[in-house]
């Protein structure tokens, strides 16, 4: 059965328009879904970790540390009781979130209490006794003493006002009337409540802070949320005082597919749970799928119309070219394409076919007088290129490698990986240039630099230690990257020159010195610079650099352990 060219062209054009789009769309959807899931998981983990850090920093920095300062002042034997009470009042004024400071004297029912006036008024308006509410009871102090709970928060909710309060108790060496005294503080957790309620993540997901019973905290109502799988997973870890941050995929009792993560503040008996529905996480994928389907339909329609319109115009000159090709195949090298004059690819093809027919005729005539070998030699003439080879030189080679790169590249988007590598390579390259070195190549996350000439070893060592210093600066600038650099330096003879294929060459350095620097780099700890013996002997007296002789190490390709030395800024 004969299939006309026009029909084939129509089918081909239609498939060409739709099939790649379908394949690309499917792959794009799958990849996007995976990327979005990864991004959502990273987002969930990052938010949980961020809140954990904020909770711990808030506790340590704004509460516990200032309270310890006040405690130390009260403990001073040079202060009498009125002065200690004055210190309580002063501390209350300086700490906005502290609503009460107290000195509890063992055996006394009347605590020395400095309450916040505004919060006391709020409590009184709610029908509570402010002194009784803001005082730390003897029973609580006894329980804290028995459980060694000093410095640990005890959380409670004032149902009458809706406020969340933390009690922190610290022991004192001070004795009043020869009785032990305890320092206690009441802290308003309103800042943590606002942080959770107003966090930007709440627009795309849920944040829940739970206690060891699986109930919500820092909320208006304490709800039991143990029906959620992720909460049931976190509760035993809270009870065991474990700190194993986790990422989960699960289904809620109502059938909603969820992604979730949790983290544990070190200073609170809580877990911070972040959740997001898969529907929300994959909203972009669903929109992309719909757009791809719509574009596919439009593309199919346009391709069909275009194929029908252009098939007629394209097949006529093709048939003409085919007719001429048939004549040439029969040995008629005088045939030419004459009826195709379009100024497009078909017209250009017609001209080239005519030219080819002429060349074939000429070659056929030429082959009557020369051998096939001679023709091949003629065809391969003038293919000389750049001379290959090299020369020996003595250099110092620096080999740097970024540590933690593999884990980093797996947890962040590729754009961030490229940005980070460029940042690190920019810093390293600048230092190499400043020390009159030359960057030979970049190999993935590694850099190879070459130093030649006078004082090449000392310049290489200076450069390496400066790189480690710069990398520490980048680590502080980008703590989330968690990238370090290990460096190896070797000095000796190498081969320098153009190497490679005739059509693709590279100008580089090769030799055992290069290999040794790479091996030393692989053994270097993060932030460490390792030197071979030749480099050490030439730079041992370098000012501003401290050297350390290390035990010889076994390196791949070396029969005996290799002496090595460490260099760092003095």
Protein backbone atom coordinates (compact mmCIF):
# COMPACT_ATOMS: atom_id res chain seq x y z
CA UNK A 1 0.00 0.00 0.00
CA UNK A 2 1.40 3.35 -1.08
CA UNK A 3 1.41 6.25 1.39
CA UNK A 4 1.65 9.65 -0.28
CA UNK A 5 4.33 12.03 0.93
CA UNK A 6 1.72 14.60 1.78
CA UNK A 7 0.00 12.16 4.17
CA UNK A 8 3.31 11.22 5.77
CA UNK A 9 4.21 14.86 6.13
CA UNK A 10 0.87 15.58 7.76
CA UNK A 11 1.23 12.69 10.23
CA UNK A 12 4.85 13.56 10.94
CA UNK A 13 4.15 17.25 11.50
CA UNK A 14 1.26 16.44 13.82
CA UNK A 15 3.30 13.97 15.84
CA UNK A 16 6.29 16.33 15.87
CA UNK A 17 4.11 19.03 17.38
CA UNK A 18 2.31 16.90 19.94
CA UNK A 19 4.48 13.92 20.88
CA UNK A 20 7.58 15.83 22.11
CA UNK A 21 5.33 18.17 24.01
CA UNK A 22 3.61 15.21 25.65
CA UNK A 23 6.93 13.56 26.56
CA UNK A 24 8.45 16.81 27.78
CA UNK A 25 5.26 17.64 29.63
CA UNK A 26 5.24 14.26 31.37
CA UNK A 27 8.91 14.53 32.31
CA UNK A 28 8.49 18.14 33.35
CA UNK A 29 5.50 17.27 35.50
CA UNK A 30 7.37 14.40 37.16
CA UNK A 31 10.51 16.43 37.71
CA UNK A 32 8.56 19.44 38.93
CA UNK A 33 6.57 17.27 41.31
CA UNK A 34 9.79 15.78 42.71
CA UNK A 35 11.40 19.20 42.96
CA UNK A 36 8.33 20.69 44.62
CA UNK A 37 8.18 17.81 47.07
CA UNK A 38 11.85 18.31 47.85
CA UNK A 39 11.34 22.07 48.17
CA UNK A 40 8.26 21.55 50.35
CA UNK A 41 10.17 19.13 52.58
CA UNK A 42 13.05 21.56 52.86
CA UNK A 43 10.60 24.36 53.63
CA UNK A 44 8.89 22.31 56.32
CA UNK A 45 12.19 21.29 57.88
CA UNK A 46 13.60 24.80 57.67
CA UNK A 47 10.56 26.40 59.32
CA UNK A 48 10.53 23.83 62.14
CA UNK A 49 14.26 24.27 62.69
CA UNK A 50 13.96 28.05 62.54
CA UNK A 51 11.23 28.13 65.17
CA UNK A 52 13.21 25.74 67.35
CA UNK A 53 16.21 28.04 67.13
CA UNK A 54 14.10 31.13 67.84
CA UNK A 55 12.54 29.45 70.87
CA UNK A 56 15.94 28.45 72.24
CA UNK A 57 17.49 31.85 71.50
CA UNK A 58 14.53 33.64 73.07
CA UNK A 59 14.81 31.51 76.20
CA UNK A 60 18.57 31.73 76.52
CA UNK A 61 19.22 35.24 75.29
CA UNK A 62 16.22 37.23 76.48
CA UNK A 63 15.24 35.31 79.59
CA UNK A 64 17.71 32.94 81.19
CA UNK A 65 20.93 34.90 80.69
CA UNK A 66 19.52 38.22 82.03
CA UNK A 67 17.92 36.34 84.92
CA UNK A 68 21.25 34.74 85.74
CA UNK A 69 22.82 38.19 85.83
CA UNK A 70 20.16 39.38 88.26
CA UNK A 71 20.57 36.18 90.29
CA UNK A 72 24.30 36.77 90.56
CA UNK A 73 23.69 40.34 91.72
CA UNK A 74 21.22 39.21 94.37
CA UNK A 75 23.70 36.58 95.51
CA UNK A 76 26.25 39.26 96.28
CA UNK A 77 26.99 39.22 100.03
CA UNK A 78 27.57 42.96 99.91
CA UNK A 79 23.86 43.69 99.34
CA UNK A 80 21.36 43.84 102.18
CA UNK A 81 17.73 42.75 101.82
CA UNK A 82 16.36 46.17 100.71
CA UNK A 83 19.06 46.36 98.07
CA UNK A 84 18.23 42.86 96.85
CA UNK A 85 14.57 43.85 96.57
CA UNK A 86 15.58 46.99 94.69
CA UNK A 87 17.55 44.80 92.29
CA UNK A 88 14.37 42.80 91.66
CA UNK A 89 12.46 45.96 90.82
CA UNK A 90 15.23 47.21 88.55
CA UNK A 91 15.45 43.86 86.77
CA UNK A 92 11.70 43.86 86.21
CA UNK A 93 11.92 47.27 84.55
CA UNK A 94 14.72 46.16 82.24
CA UNK A 95 13.10 42.91 81.09
CA UNK A 96 9.87 43.64 79.21
CA UNK A 97 8.64 40.03 78.99
CA UNK A 98 9.21 39.30 82.68
CA UNK A 99 5.99 39.91 84.60
CA UNK A 100 7.19 39.00 88.10
CA UNK A 101 10.43 38.44 90.02
CA UNK A 102 10.40 36.74 93.39
CA UNK A 103 12.64 35.82 96.30
CA UNK A 104 11.12 32.81 98.03
CA UNK A 105 12.36 32.25 101.59
CA UNK A 106 12.07 28.65 102.73
CA UNK A 107 9.44 28.32 105.42
CA UNK A 108 7.95 31.77 104.73
CA UNK A 109 4.44 32.10 103.32
CA UNK A 110 5.04 35.71 102.27
CA UNK A 111 7.30 35.89 99.21
CA UNK A 112 9.32 38.94 98.32
CA UNK A 113 7.55 39.71 95.04
CA UNK A 114 8.13 42.40 92.39
CA UNK A 115 5.18 42.16 89.95
CA UNK A 116 4.63 44.00 86.67
CA UNK A 117 2.00 46.64 87.32
CA UNK A 118 0.25 46.38 83.93
CA UNK A 119 0.04 42.59 84.02
CA UNK A 120 -1.11 42.67 87.65
CA UNK A 121 -3.93 44.99 86.67
CA UNK A 122 -4.87 42.63 83.83
CA UNK A 123 -5.05 39.73 86.28
CA UNK A 124 -7.08 41.73 88.78
CA UNK A 125 -9.55 42.73 86.03
CA UNK A 126 -9.99 39.02 85.25
CA UNK A 127 -11.04 38.42 88.86
CA UNK A 128 -7.80 36.84 90.09
CA UNK A 129 -5.51 37.74 92.94
CA UNK A 130 -2.37 39.08 91.30
CA UNK A 131 -0.01 38.18 94.16
CA UNK A 132 -1.27 34.61 94.39
CA UNK A 133 -1.22 34.21 90.62
CA UNK A 134 2.26 35.63 90.07
CA UNK A 135 3.87 33.97 93.08
CA UNK A 136 5.74 30.69 92.77
CA UNK A 137 4.30 28.31 95.36
CA UNK A 138 6.33 26.34 97.83
CA UNK A 139 5.00 23.11 96.34
CA UNK A 140 6.34 24.08 92.92
CA UNK A 141 9.72 25.03 94.42
CA UNK A 142 9.91 21.72 96.24
CA UNK A 143 9.07 19.83 93.04
CA UNK A 144 11.69 21.75 91.08
CA UNK A 145 14.32 21.13 93.75
CA UNK A 146 13.51 17.40 93.83
CA UNK A 147 13.65 17.05 90.02
CA UNK A 148 16.71 19.30 89.62
CA UNK A 149 14.59 21.54 87.46
CA UNK A 150 16.51 24.75 88.05
CA UNK A 151 16.76 26.83 84.90
CA UNK A 152 14.08 24.77 83.12
CA UNK A 153 10.77 26.42 82.23
CA UNK A 154 7.48 25.26 83.68
CA UNK A 155 4.70 26.26 81.27
CA UNK A 156 1.12 27.01 82.23
CA UNK A 157 -1.87 28.82 80.74
CA UNK A 158 -3.93 31.40 82.63
CA UNK A 159 -7.38 30.45 81.44
CA UNK A 160 -8.88 33.61 82.89
CA UNK A 161 -6.73 35.86 80.67
CA UNK A 162 -5.66 33.44 77.93
CA UNK A 163 -1.97 34.18 78.59
CA UNK A 164 0.79 31.58 78.47
CA UNK A 165 3.25 31.88 81.36
CA UNK A 166 6.66 30.30 81.95
CA UNK A 167 8.16 29.93 85.43
CA UNK A 168 11.95 29.78 85.75
CA UNK A 169 13.57 29.08 89.12
CA UNK A 170 17.25 29.57 89.98
CA UNK A 171 18.98 28.63 93.26
CA UNK A 172 20.73 31.22 95.42
CA UNK A 173 23.64 31.01 97.81
CA UNK A 174 22.09 33.90 99.72
CA UNK A 175 20.35 33.18 103.04
CA UNK A 176 17.88 35.48 104.72
CA UNK A 177 17.37 34.96 108.45
CA UNK A 178 19.56 31.88 107.98
CA UNK A 179 16.97 30.41 105.61
CA UNK A 180 17.62 29.24 102.03
CA UNK A 181 16.36 31.61 99.35
CA UNK A 182 15.24 30.79 95.83
CA UNK A 183 15.01 33.21 92.90
CA UNK A 184 11.96 32.78 90.66
CA UNK A 185 10.67 34.60 87.57
CA UNK A 186 7.35 34.61 85.72
CA UNK A 187 7.63 35.27 81.96
CA UNK A 188 4.90 36.19 79.51
CA UNK A 189 5.16 33.95 76.41
CA UNK A 190 3.14 36.34 74.28
CA UNK A 191 6.10 36.87 71.92
CA UNK A 192 6.21 33.13 71.15
CA UNK A 193 2.44 33.06 70.69
CA UNK A 194 2.64 35.91 68.18
CA UNK A 195 5.61 34.31 66.43
CA UNK A 196 3.73 31.08 65.77
CA UNK A 197 0.41 32.75 64.91
CA UNK A 198 1.89 35.32 62.52
CA UNK A 199 4.64 33.25 60.88
CA UNK A 200 4.64 33.61 57.06
CA UNK A 201 4.49 29.83 56.70
CA UNK A 202 0.93 29.93 58.08
CA UNK A 203 -0.22 31.26 54.68
CA UNK A 204 0.77 27.97 52.97
CA UNK A 205 0.68 25.46 55.81
CA UNK A 206 0.10 24.82 59.50
CA UNK A 207 2.34 25.30 62.53
CA UNK A 208 1.48 23.41 65.70
CA UNK A 209 3.44 23.40 68.94
CA UNK A 210 2.64 20.36 71.07
CA UNK A 211 3.55 19.15 74.56
CA UNK A 212 4.37 15.66 75.77
CA UNK A 213 0.65 14.79 75.92
CA UNK A 214 0.04 15.64 72.29
CA UNK A 215 -1.89 18.80 73.12
CA UNK A 216 -1.37 22.17 71.48
CA UNK A 217 0.41 24.96 73.36
CA UNK A 218 0.72 28.68 72.68
CA UNK A 219 -2.87 28.63 71.38
CA UNK A 220 -6.16 30.01 72.67
CA UNK A 221 -7.54 26.49 73.14
CA UNK A 222 -5.56 23.44 74.17
CA UNK A 223 -6.51 20.77 71.65
CA UNK A 224 -5.67 17.09 71.61
CA UNK A 225 -4.13 16.42 68.17
CA UNK A 226 -2.89 12.88 68.73
CA UNK A 227 -5.17 11.77 65.89
CA UNK A 228 -2.43 13.05 63.55
CA UNK A 229 0.22 10.47 62.73
CA UNK A 230 3.03 13.01 62.90
CA UNK A 231 2.00 14.05 66.42
CA UNK A 232 1.90 10.43 67.59
CA UNK A 233 5.40 10.04 66.18
CA UNK A 234 6.73 13.08 68.04
CA UNK A 235 5.17 12.50 71.49
CA UNK A 236 7.39 9.54 72.54
CA UNK A 237 10.47 11.55 71.60
CA UNK A 238 9.33 14.44 73.81
CA UNK A 239 8.77 12.04 76.71
CA UNK A 240 12.18 10.45 76.16
CA UNK A 241 13.81 13.87 75.88
CA UNK A 242 15.16 12.80 72.49
CA UNK A 243 16.00 15.30 69.78
CA UNK A 244 15.55 13.41 66.49
CA UNK A 245 14.15 15.86 63.94
CA UNK A 246 11.97 14.01 61.43
CA UNK A 247 10.31 14.48 58.01
CA UNK A 248 7.14 12.47 57.25
CA UNK A 249 4.56 11.90 54.56
CA UNK A 250 1.20 10.72 55.90
CA UNK A 251 -2.57 10.85 55.56
CA UNK A 252 -4.85 12.57 58.07
CA UNK A 253 -8.00 10.86 59.35
CA UNK A 254 -10.07 12.96 56.91
CA UNK A 255 -8.08 11.54 53.98
CA UNK A 256 -5.91 14.60 53.32
CA UNK A 257 -2.43 13.65 52.11
CA UNK A 258 0.11 15.67 54.09
CA UNK A 259 3.79 16.44 54.26
CA UNK A 260 5.13 17.26 57.71
CA UNK A 261 8.24 17.78 59.81
CA UNK A 262 9.04 18.43 63.45
CA UNK A 263 11.89 19.74 65.54
CA UNK A 264 12.47 19.88 69.27
CA UNK A 265 13.49 23.05 71.14
CA UNK A 266 16.26 22.25 73.58
CA UNK A 267 14.82 24.47 76.32
CA UNK A 268 11.14 23.52 76.13
CA UNK A 269 9.38 20.16 76.54
CA UNK A 270 7.72 20.68 73.16
CA UNK A 271 7.84 19.73 69.52
CA UNK A 272 7.36 22.26 66.72
CA UNK A 273 5.28 20.56 64.00
CA UNK A 274 5.01 22.02 60.48
CA UNK A 275 2.50 20.58 58.00
CA UNK A 276 1.42 21.23 54.43
CA UNK A 277 -1.07 19.40 52.25
CA UNK A 278 0.24 17.75 49.10
CA UNK A 279 -2.44 19.59 47.14
CA UNK A 280 -0.95 22.93 48.23
CA UNK A 281 2.61 21.75 47.65
CA UNK A 282 1.78 20.51 44.14
CA UNK A 283 -0.50 23.36 43.09
CA UNK A 284 2.09 24.60 40.60
CA UNK A 285 2.39 21.12 39.03
CA UNK A 286 -1.36 20.89 38.52
CA UNK A 287 -1.40 24.31 36.86
CA UNK A 288 1.53 23.32 34.61
CA UNK A 289 -0.24 20.08 33.61
CA UNK A 290 -3.37 21.98 32.59
CA UNK A 291 -1.34 24.48 30.60
CA UNK A 292 0.61 21.73 28.85
CA UNK A 293 -2.63 19.97 27.87
CA UNK A 294 -4.12 23.19 26.50
CA UNK A 295 -0.94 24.05 24.62
CA UNK A 296 -0.87 20.51 23.24
CA UNK A 297 -4.36 20.84 21.81
CA UNK A 298 -3.57 24.20 20.27
CA UNK A 299 -0.28 22.88 18.90
CA UNK A 300 -2.00 19.87 17.33
CA UNK A 301 -4.60 22.05 15.64
CA UNK A 302 -1.99 24.49 14.32
CA UNK A 303 0.28 21.65 13.19
CA UNK A 304 -2.56 19.97 11.32
CA UNK A 305 -3.52 23.13 9.49
CA UNK A 306 0.10 23.99 8.77
CA UNK A 307 0.85 20.51 7.49
CA UNK A 308 -2.05 20.60 5.08
CA UNK A 309 -1.15 24.07 3.79
CA UNK A 310 2.58 23.51 3.36
CA UNK A 311 2.52 19.88 2.23
CA UNK A 312 1.32 20.88 -1.23
CA UNK A 313 3.97 23.56 -1.61
CA UNK A 314 6.78 21.38 -0.34
CA UNK A 315 6.06 18.12 -2.13
CA UNK A 316 6.11 19.52 -5.68
CA UNK A 317 9.78 20.65 -5.64
CA UNK A 318 10.72 17.49 -3.74
CA UNK A 319 9.21 15.38 -6.48
CA UNK A 320 11.20 17.43 -9.01
CA UNK A 321 14.41 16.83 -7.04
CA UNK A 322 13.57 13.12 -6.84
CA UNK A 323 13.17 12.96 -10.60
CA UNK A 324 16.60 14.49 -11.15
CA UNK A 325 18.15 12.15 -8.57
CA UNK A 326 16.72 9.19 -10.46
CA UNK A 327 18.38 10.41 -13.68
CA UNK A 328 21.72 10.87 -11.92
CA UNK A 329 21.39 7.40 -10.47
CA UNK A 330 21.02 6.12 -13.98
CA UNK A 331 24.34 7.80 -14.91
CA UNK A 332 23.05 11.01 -16.44
CA UNK A 333 25.29 13.68 -14.90
CA UNK A 334 23.91 16.31 -17.23
CA UNK A 335 20.53 16.38 -15.45
CA UNK A 336 19.75 19.50 -13.39
CA UNK A 337 16.93 20.72 -11.15
CA UNK A 338 15.34 23.53 -13.20
CA UNK A 339 11.81 24.18 -11.99
CA UNK A 340 12.56 25.05 -8.35
CA UNK A 341 13.24 28.76 -7.76
CA UNK A 342 11.92 29.31 -4.22
CA UNK A 343 14.13 31.38 -1.89
CA UNK A 344 14.05 28.96 0.99
CA UNK A 345 15.75 25.75 2.11
CA UNK A 346 14.22 23.78 -0.77
CA UNK A 347 15.57 26.29 -3.28
CA UNK A 348 18.98 26.19 -1.58
CA UNK A 349 18.86 22.39 -1.63
CA UNK A 350 18.13 22.45 -5.36
CA UNK A 351 21.17 24.62 -5.98
CA UNK A 352 23.42 22.40 -3.89
CA UNK A 353 22.13 19.27 -5.64
CA UNK A 354 22.99 20.81 -8.97
CA UNK A 355 26.45 21.68 -7.59
CA UNK A 356 26.85 18.17 -6.19
CA UNK A 357 25.95 16.63 -9.54
CA UNK A 358 28.67 18.75 -11.15
CA UNK A 359 31.25 17.70 -8.54
CA UNK A 360 30.27 14.06 -8.88
CA UNK A 361 30.82 14.30 -12.58
CA UNK A 362 34.22 15.93 -12.06
CA UNK A 363 35.23 13.34 -9.49
CA UNK A 364 34.12 10.55 -11.74
CA UNK A 365 36.32 11.93 -14.51
CA UNK A 366 39.24 12.44 -12.09
CA UNK A 367 39.01 8.87 -10.78
CA UNK A 368 39.74 7.66 -14.33
CA UNK A 369 43.32 9.02 -13.97
CA UNK A 370 44.29 8.55 -10.27
CA UNK A 371 43.98 5.82 -7.68
CA UNK A 372 41.57 5.71 -4.76
CA UNK A 373 44.50 6.14 -2.33
CA UNK A 374 45.55 9.31 -4.08
CA UNK A 375 42.01 10.67 -3.79
CA UNK A 376 41.98 9.93 -0.05
CA UNK A 377 45.32 11.73 0.36
CA UNK A 378 43.97 14.74 -1.51
CA UNK A 379 40.92 14.81 0.73
CA UNK A 380 43.04 14.66 3.95
CA UNK A 381 45.47 17.41 2.88
CA UNK A 382 45.71 20.67 4.85
CA UNK A 383 44.45 19.07 8.09
CA UNK A 384 47.48 20.15 10.14
CA UNK A 385 46.77 21.74 13.42
CA UNK A 386 48.53 23.10 16.47
CA UNK A 387 51.66 21.14 17.41
CA UNK A 388 51.11 18.90 20.37
CA UNK A 389 53.63 18.25 23.17
CA UNK A 390 55.04 19.87 26.30
CA UNK A 391 58.06 20.95 28.34
CA UNK A 392 59.28 20.28 31.88
CA UNK A 393 59.04 23.00 34.53
CA UNK A 394 59.37 23.24 38.32
CA UNK A 395 56.17 24.58 39.92
CA UNK A 396 54.11 24.56 43.10
CA UNK A 397 50.60 23.16 42.68
CA UNK A 398 47.62 24.00 44.91
CA UNK A 399 44.66 21.65 44.87
CA UNK A 400 41.52 22.79 46.76
CA UNK A 401 38.33 20.83 47.27
CA UNK A 402 35.02 21.93 48.80
CA UNK A 403 33.90 19.63 51.67
CA UNK A 404 30.21 19.04 52.21
CA UNK A 405 29.49 19.83 48.55
CA UNK A 406 27.73 16.53 47.78
CA UNK A 407 25.27 16.88 50.70
CA UNK A 408 24.81 20.57 49.87
CA UNK A 409 24.04 19.91 46.19
CA UNK A 410 21.44 17.32 47.20
CA UNK A 411 19.50 19.56 49.57
CA UNK A 412 19.34 22.83 47.70
CA UNK A 413 18.15 23.82 44.20
CA UNK A 414 20.71 23.68 41.38
CA UNK A 415 20.61 27.47 41.01
CA UNK A 416 21.77 27.86 44.60
CA UNK A 417 24.52 25.24 44.03
CA UNK A 418 25.88 27.20 41.05
CA UNK A 419 25.66 30.48 42.96
CA UNK A 420 27.54 29.00 45.90
CA UNK A 421 30.28 27.46 43.70
CA UNK A 422 30.74 30.77 41.88
CA UNK A 423 30.99 32.59 45.22
CA UNK A 424 33.64 30.18 46.50
CA UNK A 425 35.59 30.09 43.21
CA UNK A 426 35.50 33.91 42.93
CA UNK A 427 37.07 34.23 46.38
CA UNK A 428 39.71 31.58 45.73
CA UNK A 429 40.62 32.85 42.27
CA UNK A 430 41.06 36.41 43.55
CA UNK A 431 43.50 35.22 46.22
CA UNK A 432 45.42 33.08 43.70
CA UNK A 433 45.81 36.10 41.39
CA UNK A 434 46.89 38.31 44.31
CA UNK A 435 49.75 35.86 44.99
CA UNK A 436 50.86 35.74 41.33
CA UNK A 437 49.43 32.31 40.72
CA UNK A 438 47.53 30.95 37.73
CA UNK A 439 44.28 28.98 37.91
CA UNK A 440 44.86 25.95 35.70
CA UNK A 441 41.38 24.45 35.77
CA UNK A 442 38.15 23.86 37.68
CA UNK A 443 37.21 20.23 38.22
CA UNK A 444 33.66 20.08 39.58
CA UNK A 445 34.00 21.62 43.06
CA UNK A 446 37.80 21.51 42.97
CA UNK A 447 40.33 24.16 41.86
CA UNK A 448 43.88 23.63 40.58
CA UNK A 449 46.33 26.55 40.69
CA UNK A 450 49.97 26.70 39.60
CA UNK A 451 52.77 28.92 40.95
CA UNK A 452 56.05 29.44 39.09
CA UNK A 453 59.17 31.53 39.53
CA UNK A 454 60.82 33.13 42.54
CA UNK A 455 59.42 32.23 45.99
CA UNK A 456 56.75 30.08 44.38
CA UNK A 457 56.48 27.81 47.46
CA UNK A 458 56.02 30.67 49.93
CA UNK A 459 53.50 32.36 47.64
CA UNK A 460 51.58 29.10 47.33
CA UNK A 461 51.52 28.58 51.12
CA UNK A 462 50.49 32.19 51.76
CA UNK A 463 47.77 31.83 49.16
CA UNK A 464 46.44 28.60 50.69
CA UNK A 465 46.18 29.91 54.27
CA UNK A 466 44.52 33.10 52.97
CA UNK A 467 42.00 30.93 51.13
CA UNK A 468 41.14 29.08 54.35
CA UNK A 469 40.63 32.44 56.07
CA UNK A 470 38.39 33.65 53.24
CA UNK A 471 36.39 30.42 53.33
CA UNK A 472 35.73 30.96 57.04
CA UNK A 473 34.37 34.37 56.14
CA UNK A 474 32.09 32.81 53.52
CA UNK A 475 30.97 30.21 56.06
CA UNK A 476 29.89 33.01 58.40
CA UNK A 477 28.25 34.87 55.53
CA UNK A 478 26.41 31.78 54.32
CA UNK A 479 26.04 29.49 57.38
CA UNK A 480 23.32 27.44 55.67
CA UNK A 481 25.83 26.35 53.01
CA UNK A 482 28.04 24.56 55.61
CA UNK A 483 30.85 24.32 53.06
CA UNK A 484 34.51 24.01 54.00
CA UNK A 485 37.68 23.77 51.94
CA UNK A 486 40.54 21.29 52.21
CA UNK A 487 43.84 22.16 50.47
CA UNK A 488 46.89 20.20 49.35
CA UNK A 489 50.20 21.75 48.11
CA UNK A 490 53.06 19.98 46.36
CA UNK A 491 56.17 21.35 44.64
CA UNK A 492 58.25 19.70 41.95
CA UNK A 493 58.65 19.04 38.26
CA UNK A 494 55.64 18.84 35.90
CA UNK A 495 54.99 18.70 32.17
CA UNK A 496 53.36 21.83 30.73
CA UNK A 497 51.91 21.97 27.21
CA UNK A 498 49.15 21.35 24.68
CA UNK A 499 47.61 17.91 25.00
CA UNK A 500 44.61 16.19 23.51
CA UNK A 501 43.15 15.34 20.11
CA UNK A 502 43.83 17.19 16.86
CA UNK A 503 40.46 18.86 16.98
CA UNK A 504 40.29 19.40 20.73
CA UNK A 505 43.28 20.25 22.86
CA UNK A 506 43.94 21.65 26.26
CA UNK A 507 46.93 23.50 27.72
CA UNK A 508 47.54 22.06 31.19
CA UNK A 509 50.03 20.58 33.68
CA UNK A 510 50.60 16.89 34.28
CA UNK A 511 52.84 14.83 36.47
CA UNK A 512 53.38 13.26 39.90
CA UNK A 513 53.50 16.69 41.58
CA UNK A 514 49.94 17.39 40.47
CA UNK A 515 48.85 13.95 41.68
CA UNK A 516 50.57 14.49 45.06
CA UNK A 517 48.79 17.81 45.64
CA UNK A 518 45.47 16.14 44.84
CA UNK A 519 46.21 13.23 47.22
CA UNK A 520 47.17 15.63 50.03
CA UNK A 521 44.00 17.62 49.40
CA UNK A 522 41.91 14.44 49.77
CA UNK A 523 43.51 13.82 53.20
CA UNK A 524 43.13 17.42 54.44
CA UNK A 525 40.53 18.09 57.10
CA UNK A 526 37.97 20.88 56.46
CA UNK A 527 39.83 24.19 56.70
CA UNK A 528 43.26 22.43 56.75
CA UNK A 529 46.27 23.00 54.46
CA UNK A 530 48.62 20.03 53.92
CA UNK A 531 52.10 20.45 52.38
CA UNK A 532 54.60 18.04 50.93
CA UNK A 533 58.21 18.05 52.18
CA UNK A 534 59.58 20.14 49.29
CA UNK A 535 57.06 22.92 49.90
CA UNK A 536 57.64 22.82 53.65
CA UNK A 537 61.42 23.04 53.38
CA UNK A 538 61.19 26.04 51.06
CA UNK A 539 58.65 27.97 53.17
CA UNK A 540 59.28 26.84 56.76
CA UNK A 541 60.43 30.29 57.92
CA UNK A 542 57.47 32.15 56.41
CA UNK A 543 56.25 35.01 58.64
CA UNK A 544 52.64 34.91 59.76
CA UNK A 545 52.26 31.17 59.12
CA UNK A 546 52.50 28.42 61.70
CA UNK A 547 53.67 24.99 60.58
CA UNK A 548 53.06 21.59 62.16
CA UNK A 549 54.88 18.37 61.39
CA UNK A 550 52.39 15.50 61.00
CA UNK A 551 52.81 11.76 60.92
CA UNK A 552 53.56 10.36 57.44
CA UNK A 553 50.40 9.26 55.66
CA UNK A 554 49.71 6.51 53.17
CA UNK A 555 48.68 7.86 49.78
CA UNK A 556 47.35 6.06 46.73
CA UNK A 557 50.14 5.44 44.24
CA UNK A 558 52.96 5.74 46.82
CA UNK A 559 54.63 2.64 48.24
CA UNK A 560 55.83 4.29 51.46
CA UNK A 561 54.05 6.74 53.77
CA UNK A 562 54.53 10.32 52.60
CA UNK A 563 55.81 13.06 54.96
CA UNK A 564 53.32 15.88 55.29
CA UNK A 565 52.98 19.12 57.15
CA UNK A 566 50.13 21.43 58.10
CA UNK A 567 50.11 25.21 57.66
CA UNK A 568 47.82 27.79 59.17
CA UNK A 569 47.73 31.50 59.96
CA UNK A 570 49.81 32.22 63.05
